[in-house]
Amino acid sequence: MFKHEKMLFHPVGVERPNPQYAALLQEQLGGANGEMKSAMQYMSQSFRIKDQQIKDLFLDIAAEELGHMEMVAQTINMLNGHDVDAEKVCAGEIQTHVLLGLNPGLINASGYSWTADYVTVTGDLCADLLSNIASEQRAKVVYEYLYRQIDDAKVRETIDFLLNREEAHNQMFRDAFNQVQDTGSNRDFGTTKAAKMYFSLSNPGPNAFAGKDVSAPKFTG
C-alpha cells in the first residue's frame, strides 16, 4: 500500500526560471540513472526477496525514490516558468515546450522516453545489491555534474540533499550486501582454480601463459 503525503520529502524552490537547465534536470526524472529508474528497480527486485528486513529496505528506498522523483519534477516545473518558449532551450529536449505544455515528462535530457529496459532484476540478491550500489553511484555522479552547471542557490540546495540521500542509499545497500555476500551467486560459482587465476595481458609484463605464476595487483589505500 502506498499513500501520498502532500508535503514534499524535502522543500524545493528556484530563484528564477531556467528552461535550459530544466531540460538538463529531466535526466534525473526520466533518464537511465534517474529517480524513476531507481524506484522501479528496487521495487521490482523486492518481489522475490525472502529476507523480510532486506525486502523492507528495498521497498523503503523505492518509496523514498518516488518522493525524490516528485521533488525533481516539481523543480523542473518551476524552472520551466509560465510560458512555453522552445527558443529558450538551446540544446536537449524541447518536448516540454511543444508537446507537454511545460509538464515534466518521463523523458531524459535528450527527449527519449523512460523505458523499463533501464531496470535490472536478476532474482539473485547479491547481483541485485551490487547493481543497486552501482546505480546509486551513477546517480550521484549525474547529480554532481548537474550541480556544477547551475548557480541557482535553491536548486543547488535541492541537488545537495539528493546527493546526500544517494550516498545514504549506497551505504545501506553495501551493508545489506555484506550481510548476504556468501549466498546466491557468490556461493554457487567461482570455486574452481580458474576463479583465482590472474592473467597479465599487458605487454611488456609477466605472462601467466609462459608457465609463470602471476599475482593480481594489490591495491592499498
Protein backbone atom coordinates (compact mmCIF):
# COMPACT_ATOMS: atom_id res chain seq x y z
CA MET A 1 0.00 0.00 0.00
CA PHE A 2 1.20 3.49 -0.81
CA LYS A 3 -0.03 6.83 0.44
CA HIS A 4 0.71 10.25 -0.96
CA GLU A 5 1.73 12.87 1.56
CA LYS A 6 1.01 16.37 0.31
CA MET A 7 4.26 17.69 1.79
CA LEU A 8 7.34 17.08 -0.34
CA PHE A 9 10.07 14.82 1.04
CA HIS A 10 12.26 17.95 1.17
CA PRO A 11 11.31 21.54 0.21
CA VAL A 12 12.29 22.67 -3.30
CA GLY A 13 12.49 26.06 -4.95
CA VAL A 14 14.17 28.10 -7.66
CA GLU A 15 15.48 31.66 -7.70
CA ARG A 16 14.36 32.18 -11.29
CA PRO A 17 13.02 30.20 -14.27
CA ASN A 18 15.68 28.46 -16.35
CA PRO A 19 14.13 26.30 -19.13
CA GLN A 20 17.55 25.20 -20.43
CA TYR A 21 18.52 23.81 -17.05
CA ALA A 22 15.09 22.24 -16.72
CA ALA A 23 15.93 20.23 -19.84
CA LEU A 24 19.17 19.05 -18.20
CA LEU A 25 17.41 18.09 -14.98
CA GLN A 26 15.00 15.91 -16.95
CA GLU A 27 17.82 13.34 -16.95
CA GLN A 28 17.18 12.65 -13.27
CA LEU A 29 13.45 12.30 -13.80
CA GLY A 30 13.26 10.01 -16.83
CA GLY A 31 16.85 9.03 -17.55
CA ALA A 32 18.77 5.78 -17.19
CA ASN A 33 20.17 6.82 -13.81
CA GLY A 34 17.19 8.86 -12.66
CA GLU A 35 14.78 8.63 -9.77
CA MET A 36 12.05 6.71 -11.59
CA LYS A 37 14.54 4.08 -12.70
CA SER A 38 15.71 3.61 -9.11
CA ALA A 39 12.18 3.41 -7.69
CA MET A 40 11.05 0.84 -10.25
CA GLN A 41 14.25 -1.20 -9.98
CA TYR A 42 14.23 -1.55 -6.20
CA MET A 43 10.50 -2.23 -6.09
CA SER A 44 10.73 -4.87 -8.83
CA GLN A 45 13.70 -6.56 -7.15
CA SER A 46 11.87 -6.71 -3.81
CA PHE A 47 9.14 -9.05 -5.05
CA ARG A 48 11.26 -12.19 -4.67
CA ILE A 49 13.32 -11.30 -1.60
CA LYS A 50 12.65 -13.71 1.28
CA ASP A 51 14.62 -11.89 3.97
CA GLN A 52 11.96 -9.55 5.35
CA GLN A 53 14.45 -7.00 6.69
CA ILE A 54 16.17 -6.64 3.31
CA LYS A 55 12.83 -6.69 1.48
CA ASP A 56 11.65 -3.79 3.66
CA LEU A 57 14.91 -1.94 2.93
CA PHE A 58 14.33 -2.24 -0.82
CA LEU A 59 10.73 -1.07 -0.55
CA ASP A 60 11.56 1.79 1.84
CA ILE A 61 14.24 3.10 -0.52
CA ALA A 62 11.94 2.62 -3.53
CA ALA A 63 9.26 4.68 -1.79
CA GLU A 64 11.79 7.39 -1.00
CA GLU A 65 12.92 7.43 -4.64
CA LEU A 66 9.29 8.13 -5.65
CA GLY A 67 9.45 11.10 -3.28
CA HIS A 68 12.68 12.22 -4.93
CA MET A 69 11.01 11.87 -8.32
CA GLU A 70 8.29 14.25 -7.13
CA MET A 71 10.93 16.73 -5.92
CA VAL A 72 12.77 16.65 -9.26
CA ALA A 73 9.54 17.04 -11.22
CA GLN A 74 8.44 20.00 -9.12
CA THR A 75 11.82 21.66 -9.56
CA ILE A 76 11.65 21.13 -13.34
CA ASN A 77 8.14 22.59 -13.31
CA MET A 78 9.33 25.77 -11.59
CA LEU A 79 12.41 26.06 -13.79
CA ASN A 80 10.23 25.89 -16.91
CA GLY A 81 8.39 29.05 -15.86
CA HIS A 82 4.91 30.01 -17.05
CA ASP A 83 5.16 30.32 -20.82
CA VAL A 84 6.10 27.80 -23.49
CA ASP A 85 9.16 29.06 -25.36
CA ALA A 86 11.27 26.39 -27.07
CA GLU A 87 13.77 29.05 -28.17
CA LYS A 88 14.98 29.25 -24.57
CA VAL A 89 16.18 25.64 -24.83
CA CYS A 90 19.36 25.82 -26.89
CA ALA A 91 20.10 22.09 -26.66
CA GLY A 92 18.41 18.98 -25.39
CA GLU A 93 14.75 18.05 -25.26
CA ILE A 94 12.10 20.55 -26.37
CA GLN A 95 9.10 18.24 -25.98
CA THR A 96 8.21 20.04 -22.76
CA HIS A 97 7.52 23.18 -24.81
CA VAL A 98 5.95 21.69 -27.93
CA LEU A 99 4.08 18.62 -26.68
CA LEU A 100 3.68 18.65 -22.91
CA GLY A 101 2.64 22.21 -22.13
CA LEU A 102 5.55 22.55 -19.64
CA ASN A 103 4.51 19.40 -17.78
CA PRO A 104 7.64 17.48 -16.68
CA GLY A 105 7.66 14.32 -18.79
CA LEU A 106 9.01 10.84 -18.25
CA ILE A 107 11.84 11.60 -20.65
CA ASN A 108 15.57 12.18 -20.35
CA ALA A 109 17.58 15.29 -21.21
CA SER A 110 17.57 14.35 -24.89
CA GLY A 111 13.82 13.75 -25.02
CA TYR A 112 13.93 9.94 -25.12
CA SER A 113 11.12 8.23 -23.23
CA TRP A 114 11.74 6.38 -20.00
CA THR A 115 11.90 2.63 -20.54
CA ALA A 116 11.78 -0.43 -18.32
CA ASP A 117 14.97 -1.51 -20.10
CA TYR A 118 16.74 0.74 -17.58
CA VAL A 119 15.66 -1.63 -14.79
CA THR A 120 17.95 -4.51 -13.76
CA VAL A 121 16.42 -7.50 -11.97
CA THR A 122 18.15 -10.89 -11.71
CA GLY A 123 16.41 -12.67 -8.82
CA ASP A 124 19.85 -13.10 -7.23
CA LEU A 125 20.19 -10.90 -4.16
CA CYS A 126 23.97 -10.46 -4.39
CA ALA A 127 23.82 -9.46 -8.05
CA ASP A 128 20.89 -7.10 -7.48
CA LEU A 129 22.56 -5.44 -4.50
CA LEU A 130 25.77 -4.89 -6.47
CA SER A 131 23.69 -3.43 -9.30
CA ASN A 132 21.97 -1.09 -6.85
CA ILE A 133 25.26 0.06 -5.35
CA ALA A 134 26.47 0.93 -8.85
CA SER A 135 23.13 2.56 -9.66
CA GLU A 136 23.33 4.87 -6.65
CA GLN A 137 26.93 5.74 -7.50
CA ARG A 138 26.00 6.63 -11.10
CA ALA A 139 23.06 8.74 -9.94
CA LYS A 140 25.39 10.58 -7.59
CA VAL A 141 27.78 11.32 -10.46
CA VAL A 142 24.94 12.75 -12.59
CA TYR A 143 23.82 14.98 -9.71
CA GLU A 144 27.41 16.17 -9.30
CA TYR A 145 27.54 17.12 -12.98
CA LEU A 146 24.21 18.93 -12.65
CA TYR A 147 25.36 20.75 -9.51
CA ARG A 148 28.37 22.21 -11.35
CA GLN A 149 26.17 23.67 -14.08
CA ILE A 150 23.78 25.82 -12.05
CA ASP A 151 24.32 28.86 -9.84
CA ASP A 152 20.74 28.96 -8.53
CA ALA A 153 21.21 28.57 -4.75
CA LYS A 154 17.79 26.99 -4.21
CA VAL A 155 18.27 24.41 -6.95
CA ARG A 156 21.73 23.65 -5.58
CA GLU A 157 20.23 23.07 -2.14
CA THR A 158 17.82 20.51 -3.60
CA ILE A 159 20.58 18.74 -5.52
CA ASP A 160 22.81 18.73 -2.44
CA PHE A 161 20.06 17.00 -0.46
CA LEU A 162 19.50 14.42 -3.20
CA LEU A 163 23.26 13.80 -3.49
CA ASN A 164 23.43 13.03 0.22
CA ARG A 165 20.48 10.65 0.00
CA GLU A 166 22.15 8.78 -2.87
CA GLU A 167 25.18 8.34 -0.64
CA ALA A 168 22.97 7.10 2.21
CA HIS A 169 21.26 4.53 -0.04
CA ASN A 170 24.62 3.44 -1.39
CA GLN A 171 25.83 2.67 2.14
CA MET A 172 22.59 0.88 3.06
CA PHE A 173 22.93 -1.41 0.06
CA ARG A 174 26.60 -2.02 0.89
CA ASP A 175 25.67 -3.02 4.44
CA ALA A 176 23.00 -5.39 3.11
CA PHE A 177 25.50 -6.91 0.66
CA ASN A 178 27.98 -7.51 3.47
CA GLN A 179 25.26 -9.47 5.25
CA VAL A 180 24.49 -11.79 2.32
CA GLN A 181 27.74 -11.81 0.34
CA ASP A 182 28.33 -15.54 0.88
CA THR A 183 24.97 -16.54 -0.57
CA GLY A 184 23.42 -16.96 -4.02
CA SER A 185 25.72 -16.50 -6.98
CA ASN A 186 28.60 -15.63 -4.65
CA ARG A 187 28.32 -19.10 -3.10
CA ASP A 188 27.45 -21.24 -6.09
CA PHE A 189 30.13 -20.08 -8.52
CA GLY A 190 33.77 -19.07 -8.56
CA THR A 191 35.01 -22.12 -6.68
CA THR A 192 37.44 -23.61 -9.20
CA LYS A 193 41.12 -22.83 -9.68
CA ALA A 194 40.24 -20.67 -12.69
CA ALA A 195 38.32 -18.33 -10.39
CA LYS A 196 41.53 -17.43 -8.58
CA MET A 197 43.89 -17.08 -11.51
CA TYR A 198 45.13 -13.75 -12.84
CA PHE A 199 46.27 -13.36 -16.44
CA SER A 200 48.63 -10.47 -17.05
CA LEU A 201 47.85 -9.46 -20.62
CA SER A 202 49.75 -6.18 -20.51
CA ASN A 203 52.87 -6.18 -22.67
CA PRO A 204 55.62 -5.98 -21.56
CA GLY A 205 54.89 -7.72 -18.28
CA PRO A 206 54.81 -11.12 -16.60
CA ASN A 207 52.90 -13.70 -18.60
CA ALA A 208 50.93 -16.47 -16.91
CA PHE A 209 50.72 -18.34 -20.23
CA ALA A 210 54.52 -18.83 -20.09
CA GLY A 211 54.12 -21.13 -17.11
CA LYS A 212 54.78 -18.48 -14.50
CA ASP A 213 52.54 -17.80 -11.52
CA VAL A 214 51.34 -14.23 -11.74
CA SER A 215 49.60 -12.47 -8.88
CA ALA A 216 46.87 -9.89 -9.34
CA PRO A 217 47.82 -6.30 -8.50
CA LYS A 218 47.49 -5.38 -4.83
CA PHE A 219 45.68 -2.12 -4.25
CA THR A 220 46.19 -0.38 -0.93
CA GLY A 221 44.60 2.74 0.45
